[in-house]
């Protein structure tokens, strides 16, 4: 019963955090930067000032689809961020550029995360099926369930490795926004608030993954008894 209560609390926390993130993004998307720069301008300036002239800034479809791609060295910004002249756009653009700086400086957790990607891709594709078969056949073939748990554990570890990567990218973004005078006294606190709300989504996701892992372990141990 305890694990179901935990699941319920995490689901509630996830809903609250996501709603808060959307609310913050909407709020700060309506707050213009004092210098009139768009998100793409902020990104290009941050990259240039960090000597990353081989990283390009592109626009991608969708909302909150912003990401850095280390494979082709591109900072990909959603239309609202790419064209937006707002605190939210500047914060998101600088955050994604923070990942580019991490990549260029071989930030340890980003390097670890990148090395885990092939294993996580494999695990994400096959783990649900292996766990399903494992639960059905646990009495006769417990090793199948154990294999599924190990694969799921890889995705859980990946979620926790992601946390310092995202937090550090926001730290780099905020430091640069301040030093480059992109934000002023008032807007800097709002940029910090927006990025903090985004970080909470990764925390909840990691805790949710951990709770699910514990649930499968309890199933395995219970059936084995």
Protein backbone atom coordinates (compact mmCIF):
# COMPACT_ATOMS: atom_id res chain seq x y z
CA UNK A 1 0.00 0.00 0.00
CA UNK A 2 2.90 2.32 0.84
CA UNK A 3 4.31 2.22 -2.67
CA UNK A 4 0.94 3.20 -4.14
CA UNK A 5 0.76 6.19 -1.81
CA UNK A 6 4.23 7.21 -3.01
CA UNK A 7 3.13 6.84 -6.64
CA UNK A 8 0.10 9.01 -5.92
CA UNK A 9 2.17 11.69 -4.25
CA UNK A 10 4.70 11.74 -7.10
CA UNK A 11 1.90 11.94 -9.68
CA UNK A 12 0.38 14.85 -7.78
CA UNK A 13 3.77 16.55 -7.48
CA UNK A 14 4.37 16.05 -11.20
CA UNK A 15 1.04 17.68 -12.04
CA UNK A 16 1.71 20.62 -9.73
CA UNK A 17 5.27 21.13 -10.99
CA UNK A 18 4.21 20.98 -14.65
CA UNK A 19 1.34 23.38 -14.05
CA UNK A 20 3.69 25.72 -12.21
CA UNK A 21 6.23 25.54 -15.04
CA UNK A 22 3.59 26.40 -17.63
CA UNK A 23 2.35 29.25 -15.47
CA UNK A 24 5.86 30.65 -14.95
CA UNK A 25 6.71 30.36 -18.64
CA UNK A 26 3.50 32.17 -19.61
CA UNK A 27 4.14 34.88 -17.03
CA UNK A 28 7.75 35.56 -17.96
CA UNK A 29 7.03 35.23 -21.68
CA UNK A 30 5.05 38.43 -21.32
CA UNK A 31 7.90 40.26 -19.58
CA UNK A 32 10.19 41.89 -22.20
CA UNK A 33 13.94 42.13 -21.86
CA UNK A 34 15.20 45.68 -21.29
CA UNK A 35 17.61 45.43 -24.27
CA UNK A 36 15.15 44.15 -26.89
CA UNK A 37 17.11 40.97 -27.69
CA UNK A 38 15.31 37.89 -28.95
CA UNK A 39 16.07 34.38 -27.69
CA UNK A 40 18.12 33.60 -30.79
CA UNK A 41 20.16 36.77 -30.26
CA UNK A 42 20.84 35.82 -26.65
CA UNK A 43 21.93 32.33 -27.70
CA UNK A 44 24.26 33.57 -30.43
CA UNK A 45 25.82 36.13 -28.12
CA UNK A 46 26.40 33.63 -25.32
CA UNK A 47 27.96 31.12 -27.72
CA UNK A 48 30.23 33.76 -29.23
CA UNK A 49 31.37 35.07 -25.86
CA UNK A 50 32.26 31.53 -24.83
CA UNK A 51 34.23 30.98 -28.03
CA UNK A 52 31.79 28.43 -29.46
CA UNK A 53 31.78 29.64 -33.05
CA UNK A 54 31.20 26.10 -34.36
CA UNK A 55 27.78 25.83 -32.66
CA UNK A 56 24.77 27.05 -34.63
CA UNK A 57 21.36 28.23 -33.42
CA UNK A 58 18.31 26.83 -35.20
CA UNK A 59 14.53 26.92 -34.83
CA UNK A 60 12.49 23.75 -34.24
CA UNK A 61 8.75 23.21 -34.17
CA UNK A 62 6.75 22.74 -30.99
CA UNK A 63 6.44 24.33 -27.59
CA UNK A 64 9.13 23.85 -24.93
CA UNK A 65 10.99 21.62 -27.38
CA UNK A 66 14.25 23.51 -26.82
CA UNK A 67 17.39 21.37 -26.62
CA UNK A 68 21.08 21.18 -27.41
CA UNK A 69 22.21 18.47 -29.83
CA UNK A 70 25.85 17.51 -29.19
CA UNK A 71 25.97 15.35 -32.33
CA UNK A 72 25.63 18.21 -34.82
CA UNK A 73 26.44 20.98 -32.30
CA UNK A 74 23.19 22.90 -32.62
CA UNK A 75 21.17 24.85 -30.09
CA UNK A 76 17.57 24.18 -31.12
CA UNK A 77 14.98 26.68 -29.95
CA UNK A 78 11.20 26.55 -30.20
CA UNK A 79 9.54 29.42 -32.13
CA UNK A 80 8.36 31.08 -28.91
CA UNK A 81 11.93 31.14 -27.57
CA UNK A 82 13.74 31.76 -30.86
CA UNK A 83 11.69 34.84 -31.75
CA UNK A 84 10.66 35.88 -28.26
CA UNK A 85 11.87 39.08 -26.63
CA UNK A 86 11.17 38.05 -23.05
CA UNK A 87 12.78 36.95 -19.82
CA UNK A 88 11.56 33.38 -20.41
CA UNK A 89 13.04 33.25 -23.91
CA UNK A 90 16.39 34.57 -22.70
CA UNK A 91 16.49 32.12 -19.79
CA UNK A 92 15.67 29.08 -21.94
CA UNK A 93 18.07 30.10 -24.73
CA UNK A 94 20.91 30.67 -22.27
CA UNK A 95 20.17 27.37 -20.53
CA UNK A 96 20.49 25.42 -23.79
CA UNK A 97 23.72 27.27 -24.54
CA UNK A 98 24.84 26.21 -21.09
CA UNK A 99 24.71 22.63 -22.36
CA UNK A 100 26.86 23.64 -25.34
CA UNK A 101 29.43 25.11 -22.94
CA UNK A 102 29.31 21.89 -20.90
CA UNK A 103 29.98 19.90 -24.04
CA UNK A 104 32.89 22.12 -25.05
CA UNK A 105 34.46 21.92 -21.59
CA UNK A 106 33.82 18.16 -21.20
CA UNK A 107 31.66 18.61 -18.11
CA UNK A 108 31.89 15.27 -16.31
CA UNK A 109 28.19 14.58 -15.76
CA UNK A 110 27.32 15.50 -19.35
CA UNK A 111 30.08 13.17 -20.59
CA UNK A 112 28.71 10.39 -18.38
CA UNK A 113 25.17 11.10 -19.58
CA UNK A 114 26.22 11.01 -23.24
CA UNK A 115 27.97 7.66 -22.77
CA UNK A 116 24.80 6.25 -21.25
CA UNK A 117 22.56 7.26 -24.17
CA UNK A 118 22.98 4.04 -26.28
CA UNK A 119 22.24 1.83 -23.26
CA UNK A 120 19.28 3.98 -22.23
CA UNK A 121 17.88 3.94 -25.77
CA UNK A 122 18.06 0.13 -25.79
CA UNK A 123 16.57 -0.13 -22.30
CA UNK A 124 13.72 2.28 -23.06
CA UNK A 125 12.77 0.27 -26.14
CA UNK A 126 12.76 -3.22 -24.64
CA UNK A 127 12.31 -2.85 -20.87
CA UNK A 128 8.46 -2.64 -20.85
CA UNK A 129 8.17 -5.89 -22.79
CA UNK A 130 10.84 -7.69 -20.75
CA UNK A 131 9.21 -6.61 -17.49
CA UNK A 132 5.78 -7.72 -18.72
CA UNK A 133 7.10 -11.15 -19.73
CA UNK A 134 9.08 -11.28 -16.50
CA UNK A 135 6.01 -10.66 -14.33
CA UNK A 136 4.05 -13.36 -16.20
CA UNK A 137 6.85 -15.94 -16.01
CA UNK A 138 8.45 -14.95 -12.71
CA UNK A 139 7.87 -18.30 -11.01
CA UNK A 140 9.42 -20.32 -13.82
CA UNK A 141 11.95 -17.81 -15.20
CA UNK A 142 12.79 -15.19 -12.53
CA UNK A 143 15.91 -14.19 -14.44
CA UNK A 144 13.74 -12.48 -17.08
CA UNK A 145 12.20 -10.21 -14.45
CA UNK A 146 15.66 -9.55 -13.00
CA UNK A 147 16.96 -8.58 -16.44
CA UNK A 148 14.07 -6.14 -16.83
CA UNK A 149 14.81 -4.61 -13.44
CA UNK A 150 18.48 -4.13 -14.35
CA UNK A 151 17.52 -2.44 -17.61
CA UNK A 152 15.02 -0.19 -15.83
CA UNK A 153 17.71 0.68 -13.27
CA UNK A 154 19.82 2.05 -16.13
CA UNK A 155 17.07 4.51 -17.06
CA UNK A 156 16.68 5.47 -13.39
CA UNK A 157 20.40 6.18 -13.04
CA UNK A 158 20.19 8.21 -16.24
CA UNK A 159 17.42 10.33 -14.69
CA UNK A 160 19.58 11.12 -11.67
CA UNK A 161 22.67 11.84 -13.77
CA UNK A 162 20.53 14.31 -15.72
CA UNK A 163 19.85 16.37 -12.58
CA UNK A 164 23.35 17.88 -12.13
CA UNK A 165 23.57 18.41 -15.90
CA UNK A 166 20.41 20.52 -15.93
CA UNK A 167 21.22 22.37 -12.70
CA UNK A 168 24.72 23.24 -13.90
CA UNK A 169 23.42 24.44 -17.28
CA UNK A 170 21.03 26.80 -15.48
CA UNK A 171 23.84 28.00 -13.20
CA UNK A 172 26.01 28.81 -16.23
CA UNK A 173 23.08 30.51 -17.95
CA UNK A 174 22.23 32.74 -15.00
CA UNK A 175 25.85 33.70 -14.40
CA UNK A 176 26.28 34.71 -18.03
CA UNK A 177 22.96 36.57 -18.25
CA UNK A 178 24.08 38.65 -15.29
CA UNK A 179 27.68 39.25 -16.39
CA UNK A 180 26.65 40.09 -19.96
CA UNK A 181 23.98 42.49 -18.66
CA UNK A 182 21.25 40.70 -20.58
CA UNK A 183 19.10 40.82 -17.46
CA UNK A 184 18.89 43.60 -14.92
CA UNK A 185 18.20 43.47 -11.17
CA UNK A 186 14.49 42.70 -11.54
CA UNK A 187 14.52 40.44 -14.60
CA UNK A 188 17.45 38.34 -13.33
CA UNK A 189 15.40 37.06 -10.39
CA UNK A 190 12.58 36.21 -12.76
CA UNK A 191 14.93 34.31 -15.09
CA UNK A 192 16.19 32.39 -12.06
CA UNK A 193 12.63 31.60 -11.01
CA UNK A 194 11.76 30.28 -14.47
CA UNK A 195 14.79 27.99 -14.63
CA UNK A 196 14.22 26.75 -11.08
CA UNK A 197 10.67 25.73 -12.02
CA UNK A 198 12.03 23.82 -15.01
CA UNK A 199 14.57 22.03 -12.81
CA UNK A 200 11.82 20.72 -10.54
CA UNK A 201 10.37 18.72 -13.44
CA UNK A 202 13.61 16.71 -13.67
CA UNK A 203 13.61 16.11 -9.91
CA UNK A 204 10.06 14.75 -9.99
CA UNK A 205 10.85 12.58 -13.02
CA UNK A 206 13.88 11.08 -11.28
CA UNK A 207 11.91 10.35 -8.11
CA UNK A 208 9.12 8.82 -10.16
CA UNK A 209 11.58 6.55 -11.92
CA UNK A 210 13.11 5.51 -8.59
CA UNK A 211 9.68 4.72 -7.11
CA UNK A 212 8.83 2.59 -10.15
CA UNK A 213 12.15 0.74 -9.85
CA UNK A 214 11.45 -0.02 -6.19
CA UNK A 215 7.97 -1.25 -7.14
CA UNK A 216 9.40 -3.79 -9.61
CA UNK A 217 12.01 -4.90 -7.08
CA UNK A 218 9.29 -5.49 -4.49
CA UNK A 219 7.33 -7.56 -7.03
CA UNK A 220 10.43 -9.62 -7.75
CA UNK A 221 11.27 -10.18 -4.09
CA UNK A 222 7.65 -10.88 -3.15
CA UNK A 223 7.12 -13.46 -5.85
CA UNK A 224 10.43 -15.11 -5.06
CA UNK A 225 9.38 -15.53 -1.43
